[in-house]
Amino acid sequence: MIDEKVAKKYKKKVALTITIMSLIAIASVVITVILIKKM
C-alpha cells in the first residue's frame, strides 16, 4: 500500500510539473504570435 503522505507529495509534484509545462507552452505560443505580427 502507498503511504498517503508520499501520494500527496507525488500528486503535488505532478500538478506543479503540468502547470509549469502548460505555462511554457502558452508562453511559446504568445512569443510566436508576437514574432509573426512583427514580421
PDB file of N, CA and C in Angstrom:
ATOM      1  N   MET A   1       0.840  -1.220   0.000  1.00  0.00           N
ATOM      2  CA  MET A   1       0.000   0.000   0.000  1.00  0.00           C
ATOM      3  C   MET A   1       0.870   1.263   0.000  1.00  0.00           C
ATOM      4  N   ILE A   2       0.426   2.250  -0.737  1.00  0.00           N
ATOM      5  CA  ILE A   2       1.182   3.503  -0.833  1.00  0.00           C
ATOM      6  C   ILE A   2       0.866   4.384   0.375  1.00  0.00           C
ATOM      7  N   ASP A   3       1.912   4.962   0.943  1.00  0.00           N
ATOM      8  CA  ASP A   3       1.745   5.890   2.070  1.00  0.00           C
ATOM      9  C   ASP A   3       1.017   7.141   1.576  1.00  0.00           C
ATOM     10  N   GLU A   4       0.058   7.605   2.352  1.00  0.00           N
ATOM     11  CA  GLU A   4      -0.749   8.766   1.922  1.00  0.00           C
ATOM     12  C   GLU A   4       0.095  10.024   1.750  1.00  0.00           C
ATOM     13  N   LYS A   5       1.069  10.218   2.640  1.00  0.00           N
ATOM     14  CA  LYS A   5       1.933  11.405   2.553  1.00  0.00           C
ATOM     15  C   LYS A   5       2.726  11.393   1.249  1.00  0.00           C
ATOM     16  N   VAL A   6       3.227  10.217   0.893  1.00  0.00           N
ATOM     17  CA  VAL A   6       4.007  10.082  -0.345  1.00  0.00           C
ATOM     18  C   VAL A   6       3.114  10.374  -1.547  1.00  0.00           C
ATOM     19  N   ALA A   7       1.900   9.832  -1.511  1.00  0.00           N
ATOM     20  CA  ALA A   7       0.948  10.040  -2.602  1.00  0.00           C
ATOM     21  C   ALA A   7       0.622  11.524  -2.764  1.00  0.00           C
ATOM     22  N   LYS A   8       0.417  12.209  -1.638  1.00  0.00           N
ATOM     23  CA  LYS A   8       0.098  13.647  -1.683  1.00  0.00           C
ATOM     24  C   LYS A   8       1.263  14.436  -2.262  1.00  0.00           C
ATOM     25  N   LYS A   9       2.483  14.098  -1.825  1.00  0.00           N
ATOM     26  CA  LYS A   9       3.681  14.772  -2.328  1.00  0.00           C
ATOM     27  C   LYS A   9       3.800  14.566  -3.830  1.00  0.00           C
ATOM     28  N   TYR A  10       3.576  13.312  -4.258  1.00  0.00           N
ATOM     29  CA  TYR A  10       3.698  12.965  -5.674  1.00  0.00           C
ATOM     30  C   TYR A  10       2.665  13.717  -6.497  1.00  0.00           C
ATOM     31  N   LYS A  11       1.425  13.770  -5.994  1.00  0.00           N
ATOM     32  CA  LYS A  11       0.348  14.487  -6.699  1.00  0.00           C
ATOM     33  C   LYS A  11       0.694  15.962  -6.845  1.00  0.00           C
ATOM     34  N   LYS A  12       1.245  16.550  -5.772  1.00  0.00           N
ATOM     35  CA  LYS A  12       1.624  17.968  -5.821  1.00  0.00           C
ATOM     36  C   LYS A  12       2.711  18.183  -6.863  1.00  0.00           C
ATOM     37  N   LYS A  13       3.689  17.262  -6.884  1.00  0.00           N
ATOM     38  CA  LYS A  13       4.797  17.371  -7.829  1.00  0.00           C
ATOM     39  C   LYS A  13       4.289  17.274  -9.259  1.00  0.00           C
ATOM     40  N   VAL A  14       3.398  16.326  -9.505  1.00  0.00           N
ATOM     41  CA  VAL A  14       2.836  16.135 -10.847  1.00  0.00           C
ATOM     42  C   VAL A  14       2.038  17.370 -11.266  1.00  0.00           C
ATOM     43  N   ALA A  15       1.216  17.881 -10.353  1.00  0.00           N
ATOM     44  CA  ALA A  15       0.402  19.065 -10.647  1.00  0.00           C
ATOM     45  C   ALA A  15       1.305  20.254 -10.981  1.00  0.00           C
ATOM     46  N   LEU A  16       2.377  20.413 -10.210  1.00  0.00           N
ATOM     47  CA  LEU A  16       3.315  21.515 -10.428  1.00  0.00           C
ATOM     48  C   LEU A  16       3.992  21.373 -11.792  1.00  0.00           C
ATOM     49  N   THR A  17       4.410  20.148 -12.115  1.00  0.00           N
ATOM     50  CA  THR A  17       5.065  19.892 -13.398  1.00  0.00           C
ATOM     51  C   THR A  17       4.132  20.214 -14.560  1.00  0.00           C
ATOM     52  N   ILE A  18       2.873  19.766 -14.454  1.00  0.00           N
ATOM     53  CA  ILE A  18       1.885  20.019 -15.512  1.00  0.00           C
ATOM     54  C   ILE A  18       1.657  21.522 -15.662  1.00  0.00           C
ATOM     55  N   THR A  19       1.541  22.225 -14.530  1.00  0.00           N
ATOM     56  CA  THR A  19       1.322  23.675 -14.551  1.00  0.00           C
ATOM     57  C   THR A  19       2.480  24.380 -15.250  1.00  0.00           C
ATOM     58  N   ILE A  20       3.715  24.018 -14.876  1.00  0.00           N
ATOM     59  CA  ILE A  20       4.902  24.643 -15.468  1.00  0.00           C
ATOM     60  C   ILE A  20       4.950  24.369 -16.972  1.00  0.00           C
ATOM     61  N   MET A  21       4.675  23.107 -17.358  1.00  0.00           N
ATOM     62  CA  MET A  21       4.709  22.742 -18.774  1.00  0.00           C
ATOM     63  C   MET A  21       3.673  23.512 -19.581  1.00  0.00           C
ATOM     64  N   SER A  22       2.471  23.654 -19.030  1.00  0.00           N
ATOM     65  CA  SER A  22       1.421  24.383 -19.754  1.00  0.00           C
ATOM     66  C   SER A  22       1.756  25.871 -19.843  1.00  0.00           C
ATOM     67  N   LEU A  23       2.369  26.416 -18.781  1.00  0.00           N
ATOM     68  CA  LEU A  23       2.780  27.823 -18.810  1.00  0.00           C
ATOM     69  C   LEU A  23       3.835  28.045 -19.890  1.00  0.00           C
ATOM     70  N   ILE A  24       4.794  27.111 -19.995  1.00  0.00           N
ATOM     71  CA  ILE A  24       5.838  27.211 -21.019  1.00  0.00           C
ATOM     72  C   ILE A  24       5.207  27.137 -22.411  1.00  0.00           C
ATOM     73  N   ALA A  25       4.244  26.231 -22.576  1.00  0.00           N
ATOM     74  CA  ALA A  25       3.568  26.081 -23.866  1.00  0.00           C
ATOM     75  C   ALA A  25       2.835  27.364 -24.247  1.00  0.00           C
ATOM     76  N   ILE A  26       2.102  27.937 -23.294  1.00  0.00           N
ATOM     77  CA  ILE A  26       1.361  29.184 -23.542  1.00  0.00           C
ATOM     78  C   ILE A  26       2.343  30.306 -23.889  1.00  0.00           C
ATOM     79  N   ALA A  27       3.436  30.394 -23.130  1.00  0.00           N
ATOM     80  CA  ALA A  27       4.437  31.435 -23.350  1.00  0.00           C
ATOM     81  C   ALA A  27       5.035  31.332 -24.750  1.00  0.00           C
ATOM     82  N   SER A  28       5.355  30.110 -25.182  1.00  0.00           N
ATOM     83  CA  SER A  28       5.947  29.943 -26.512  1.00  0.00           C
ATOM     84  C   SER A  28       4.958  30.311 -27.612  1.00  0.00           C
ATOM     85  N   VAL A  29       3.683  30.015 -27.407  1.00  0.00           N
ATOM     86  CA  VAL A  29       2.650  30.394 -28.381  1.00  0.00           C
ATOM     87  C   VAL A  29       2.558  31.916 -28.466  1.00  0.00           C
ATOM     88  N   VAL A  30       2.540  32.569 -27.310  1.00  0.00           N
ATOM     89  CA  VAL A  30       2.458  34.036 -27.265  1.00  0.00           C
ATOM     90  C   VAL A  30       3.662  34.653 -27.975  1.00  0.00           C
ATOM     91  N   ILE A  31       4.859  34.136 -27.687  1.00  0.00           N
ATOM     92  CA  ILE A  31       6.081  34.651 -28.311  1.00  0.00           C
ATOM     93  C   ILE A  31       6.017  34.473 -29.828  1.00  0.00           C
ATOM     94  N   THR A  32       5.556  33.305 -30.271  1.00  0.00           N
ATOM     95  CA  THR A  32       5.432  33.028 -31.709  1.00  0.00           C
ATOM     96  C   THR A  32       4.483  34.023 -32.365  1.00  0.00           C
ATOM     97  N   VAL A  33       3.338  34.268 -31.738  1.00  0.00           N
ATOM     98  CA  VAL A  33       2.348  35.210 -32.283  1.00  0.00           C
ATOM     99  C   VAL A  33       2.951  36.608 -32.379  1.00  0.00           C
ATOM    100  N   ILE A  34       3.664  37.031 -31.335  1.00  0.00           N
ATOM    101  CA  ILE A  34       4.286  38.363 -31.330  1.00  0.00           C
ATOM    102  C   ILE A  34       5.310  38.464 -32.467  1.00  0.00           C
ATOM    103  N   LEU A  35       6.129  37.417 -32.627  1.00  0.00           N
ATOM    104  CA  LEU A  35       7.147  37.426 -33.683  1.00  0.00           C
ATOM    105  C   LEU A  35       6.509  37.486 -35.063  1.00  0.00           C
ATOM    106  N   ILE A  36       5.423  36.742 -35.268  1.00  0.00           N
ATOM    107  CA  ILE A  36       4.738  36.729 -36.567  1.00  0.00           C
ATOM    108  C   ILE A  36       4.134  38.112 -36.855  1.00  0.00           C
ATOM    109  N   LYS A  37       3.553  38.732 -35.837  1.00  0.00           N
ATOM    110  CA  LYS A  37       2.929  40.051 -36.025  1.00  0.00           C
ATOM    111  C   LYS A  37       3.976  41.112 -36.336  1.00  0.00           C
ATOM    112  N   LYS A  38       5.198  40.969 -35.803  1.00  0.00           N
ATOM    113  CA  LYS A  38       6.264  41.941 -36.048  1.00  0.00           C
ATOM    114  C   LYS A  38       6.806  41.825 -37.466  1.00  0.00           C
ATOM    115  N   MET A  39       6.668  40.658 -38.087  1.00  0.00           N
ATOM    116  CA  MET A  39       7.201  40.433 -39.433  1.00  0.00           C
ATOM    117  C   MET A  39       6.437  41.229 -40.478  1.00  0.00           C
TER     118      MET A  39
END
